Amino acid sequence: METIKRVIALHSIEHHITKDGVYEVKYIHYGQTVYYDVIDDNDKKSTHRADDFIDAKQIVIKGLDNYYGLLTPYWLVEYTNRKYNKQLYIYDTEEDEESCFLLQKSTNYNDFCKFYNECYSYKEIEGKVKCAEDFILTHELLDKISREDGILIQIAKEVNNEEYLKIIDIPFDVNYYISQYDDGSECVEENHRKWY
């Protein structure tokens, strides 16, 4: 079975490999030396020493049109189901009564351009509910999700719209933080050292 991985080029190489470009590669061993079969920028296969590349890791960030907190209620329920094999229930406020929540069984909570006013619970509670003890707030769930989480990356691929969720490739050994612009979109920044 062939091993495929994502790597970043450390410098420009002949055969149209560009510095900092991200490539999917396959391992080839010649004795003790490791080479990669690389599909270059012109969709041609060439072979290069593994030393010319560094492993990449993927990170999910919010896009420009994502006004919600990373995942919509629909995808937050889906993420929880896939990650923990647990059913998470959405409770949204009644339109005429802000202090009461109602269980939502609809799956139409998937608009990245909308603000939601909801809570969650692992319990299914019918009828009107005032702020229940076992309610979980959106940020409590989202804050626990690693931006490198494989399930989150898969969801971003399924959403398949970089205006909502983007997958960024960075070198595997970079210490980073996620910065937010005024418009709500995000970028990945490398941690810089400071001395005082």
Protein backbone atom coordinates (compact mmCIF):
# COMPACT_ATOMS: atom_id res chain seq x y z
CA MET A 1 0.00 0.00 0.00
CA GLU A 2 1.38 3.41 -0.99
CA THR A 3 1.83 6.00 1.73
CA ILE A 4 0.62 9.47 0.74
CA LYS A 5 1.31 12.58 2.84
CA ARG A 6 1.16 16.35 2.48
CA VAL A 7 4.40 18.31 2.52
CA ILE A 8 5.62 21.87 2.00
CA ALA A 9 8.59 22.65 -0.25
CA LEU A 10 11.48 24.29 1.61
CA HIS A 11 12.78 25.99 -1.54
CA SER A 12 12.04 26.20 -5.25
CA ILE A 13 13.17 23.11 -7.13
CA GLU A 14 13.39 22.35 -10.83
CA HIS A 15 10.35 20.67 -12.36
CA HIS A 16 8.08 23.52 -11.14
CA ILE A 17 8.17 22.88 -7.39
CA THR A 18 7.69 26.27 -5.70
CA LYS A 19 8.95 27.35 -2.29
CA ASP A 20 6.24 27.02 0.39
CA GLY A 21 4.02 25.17 -2.11
CA VAL A 22 1.95 22.32 -0.67
CA TYR A 23 2.20 18.93 -2.39
CA GLU A 24 0.86 15.43 -1.95
CA VAL A 25 3.72 12.95 -2.18
CA LYS A 26 4.36 9.21 -2.20
CA TYR A 27 7.38 7.62 -0.52
CA ILE A 28 10.10 5.90 -2.51
CA HIS A 29 13.11 4.28 -0.83
CA TYR A 30 16.47 3.87 -2.56
CA GLY A 31 18.66 2.15 0.01
CA GLN A 32 18.81 4.39 3.08
CA THR A 33 17.70 7.52 1.20
CA VAL A 34 14.04 8.58 1.07
CA TYR A 35 12.62 10.23 -2.04
CA TYR A 36 9.17 11.54 -2.83
CA ASP A 37 7.17 11.17 -6.01
CA VAL A 38 5.66 14.66 -6.38
CA ILE A 39 2.96 16.00 -8.68
CA ASP A 40 4.32 19.45 -9.53
CA ASP A 41 2.54 22.71 -10.36
CA ASN A 42 2.13 21.54 -13.98
CA ASP A 43 0.55 18.21 -12.94
CA LYS A 44 3.70 16.28 -13.93
CA LYS A 45 5.26 13.64 -11.71
CA SER A 46 8.88 14.05 -10.66
CA THR A 47 11.08 12.51 -7.95
CA HIS A 48 12.90 14.58 -5.29
CA ARG A 49 14.83 14.02 -2.09
CA ALA A 50 12.64 14.10 1.01
CA ASP A 51 15.11 16.60 2.54
CA ASP A 52 13.71 19.25 0.17
CA PHE A 53 10.34 19.17 1.96
CA ILE A 54 8.88 19.46 5.44
CA ASP A 55 5.73 17.74 6.73
CA ALA A 56 2.55 19.82 6.68
CA LYS A 57 -0.35 19.95 9.10
CA GLN A 58 -3.83 21.21 8.34
CA ILE A 59 -5.80 23.78 10.33
CA VAL A 60 -9.43 24.88 9.90
CA ILE A 61 -10.32 28.58 10.12
CA LYS A 62 -13.43 30.69 9.51
CA GLY A 63 -13.94 32.28 6.10
CA LEU A 64 -15.24 35.71 5.21
CA ASP A 65 -18.95 34.77 5.08
CA ASN A 66 -19.00 32.75 8.30
CA TYR A 67 -20.81 35.02 10.79
CA TYR A 68 -21.40 32.16 13.16
CA GLY A 69 -18.85 30.61 15.56
CA LEU A 70 -16.90 28.26 13.27
CA LEU A 71 -19.59 25.51 13.03
CA THR A 72 -23.32 26.05 12.61
CA PRO A 73 -25.66 24.23 15.03
CA TYR A 74 -26.22 21.52 12.39
CA TRP A 75 -22.49 20.83 12.01
CA LEU A 76 -21.85 21.11 15.75
CA VAL A 77 -24.38 18.32 16.33
CA GLU A 78 -22.80 16.33 13.49
CA TYR A 79 -19.28 16.86 14.86
CA THR A 80 -20.32 15.69 18.35
CA ASN A 81 -21.98 12.61 16.91
CA ARG A 82 -18.89 11.65 14.89
CA LYS A 83 -16.34 12.52 17.57
CA TYR A 84 -17.98 11.14 20.71
CA ASN A 85 -20.76 8.98 19.26
CA LYS A 86 -23.21 11.04 21.37
CA GLN A 87 -26.44 12.76 20.33
CA LEU A 88 -26.46 16.49 21.00
CA TYR A 89 -29.81 18.31 20.94
CA ILE A 90 -30.38 21.93 19.85
CA TYR A 91 -32.61 24.21 21.94
CA ASP A 92 -33.52 27.58 20.46
CA THR A 93 -35.37 30.51 21.99
CA GLU A 94 -39.02 31.05 21.22
CA GLU A 95 -39.61 34.08 19.03
CA ASP A 96 -42.05 35.70 21.45
CA GLU A 97 -40.44 34.62 24.72
CA GLU A 98 -36.65 35.05 24.99
CA SER A 99 -36.37 33.33 28.37
CA CYS A 100 -37.76 29.99 27.16
CA PHE A 101 -36.07 27.40 24.98
CA LEU A 102 -37.67 24.73 22.81
CA LEU A 103 -36.16 21.52 21.48
CA GLN A 104 -35.44 21.83 17.76
CA LYS A 105 -35.75 18.63 15.74
CA SER A 106 -35.30 20.32 12.36
CA THR A 107 -31.96 20.06 10.54
CA ASN A 108 -32.18 23.49 8.87
CA TYR A 109 -29.68 25.08 11.29
CA ASN A 110 -26.96 25.21 8.67
CA ASP A 111 -26.74 28.83 7.53
CA PHE A 112 -23.21 30.16 8.11
CA CYS A 113 -24.43 33.72 7.47
CA LYS A 114 -26.97 33.71 10.31
CA PHE A 115 -26.64 34.36 14.04
CA TYR A 116 -28.30 31.77 16.24
CA ASN A 117 -29.50 32.04 19.83
CA GLU A 118 -29.34 28.46 21.01
CA CYS A 119 -28.19 26.13 23.75
CA TYR A 120 -27.42 22.42 23.61
CA SER A 121 -27.94 19.39 25.80
CA TYR A 122 -27.22 15.68 25.69
CA LYS A 123 -30.75 15.22 27.07
CA GLU A 124 -33.91 15.39 24.98
CA ILE A 125 -36.33 17.66 26.86
CA GLU A 126 -39.78 18.28 25.40
CA GLY A 127 -41.78 21.48 25.91
CA LYS A 128 -40.70 24.94 27.04
CA VAL A 129 -37.52 24.99 29.11
CA LYS A 130 -36.10 27.83 31.15
CA CYS A 131 -32.29 27.86 31.40
CA ALA A 132 -31.76 24.19 32.38
CA GLU A 133 -28.80 22.99 34.46
CA ASP A 134 -27.58 20.67 31.74
CA PHE A 135 -27.66 23.27 28.95
CA ILE A 136 -24.32 23.78 27.23
CA LEU A 137 -23.51 27.08 25.53
CA THR A 138 -22.14 27.20 22.00
CA HIS A 139 -18.72 28.57 22.95
CA GLU A 140 -18.25 25.82 25.55
CA LEU A 141 -18.54 23.24 22.78
CA LEU A 142 -16.55 25.14 20.15
CA ASP A 143 -13.69 25.98 22.52
CA LYS A 144 -13.00 22.25 23.00
CA ILE A 145 -12.52 21.58 19.28
CA SER A 146 -8.92 21.54 18.08
CA ARG A 147 -8.53 23.32 14.76
CA GLU A 148 -6.33 20.37 13.71
CA ASP A 149 -9.01 17.79 14.54
CA GLY A 150 -9.40 15.24 11.74
CA ILE A 151 -13.20 15.23 12.00
CA LEU A 152 -13.30 19.04 11.76
CA ILE A 153 -11.06 18.88 8.67
CA GLN A 154 -13.39 16.29 7.11
CA ILE A 155 -16.40 18.51 7.83
CA ALA A 156 -14.65 21.48 6.19
CA LYS A 157 -14.10 19.30 3.11
CA GLU A 158 -17.78 18.32 3.09
CA VAL A 159 -18.90 21.95 3.43
CA ASN A 160 -16.54 22.60 0.50
CA ASN A 161 -16.82 26.39 0.59
CA GLU A 162 -13.83 28.50 1.65
CA GLU A 163 -16.12 31.48 2.28
CA TYR A 164 -17.34 29.51 5.32
CA LEU A 165 -14.51 27.19 6.35
CA LYS A 166 -10.95 27.15 5.04
CA ILE A 167 -8.30 24.48 5.43
CA ILE A 168 -4.81 25.96 5.76
CA ASP A 169 -1.57 23.98 5.40
CA ILE A 170 1.36 25.06 7.57
CA PRO A 171 4.67 23.39 8.54
CA PHE A 172 4.04 20.72 11.20
CA ASP A 173 6.50 22.22 13.70
CA VAL A 174 5.18 25.81 13.70
CA ASN A 175 3.71 27.18 16.92
CA TYR A 176 0.74 29.30 15.91
CA TYR A 177 -2.33 31.16 17.03
CA ILE A 178 -5.53 32.02 15.21
CA SER A 179 -6.18 35.71 14.70
CA GLN A 180 -9.56 37.24 13.80
CA TYR A 181 -10.14 40.17 11.46
CA ASP A 182 -12.82 42.82 12.03
CA ASP A 183 -15.06 41.10 9.47
CA GLY A 184 -15.02 37.86 11.54
CA SER A 185 -12.77 35.85 9.21
CA GLU A 186 -9.60 34.30 10.61
CA CYS A 187 -5.98 33.74 9.69
CA VAL A 188 -3.16 31.63 11.14
CA GLU A 189 -0.16 33.50 12.55
CA GLU A 190 3.11 32.12 13.80
CA ASN A 191 3.97 32.79 17.44
CA HIS A 192 6.86 35.24 17.67
CA ARG A 193 9.37 35.40 20.46
CA LYS A 194 9.62 38.52 22.61
CA TRP A 195 12.26 39.61 25.12
CA TYR A 196 11.90 42.41 27.67
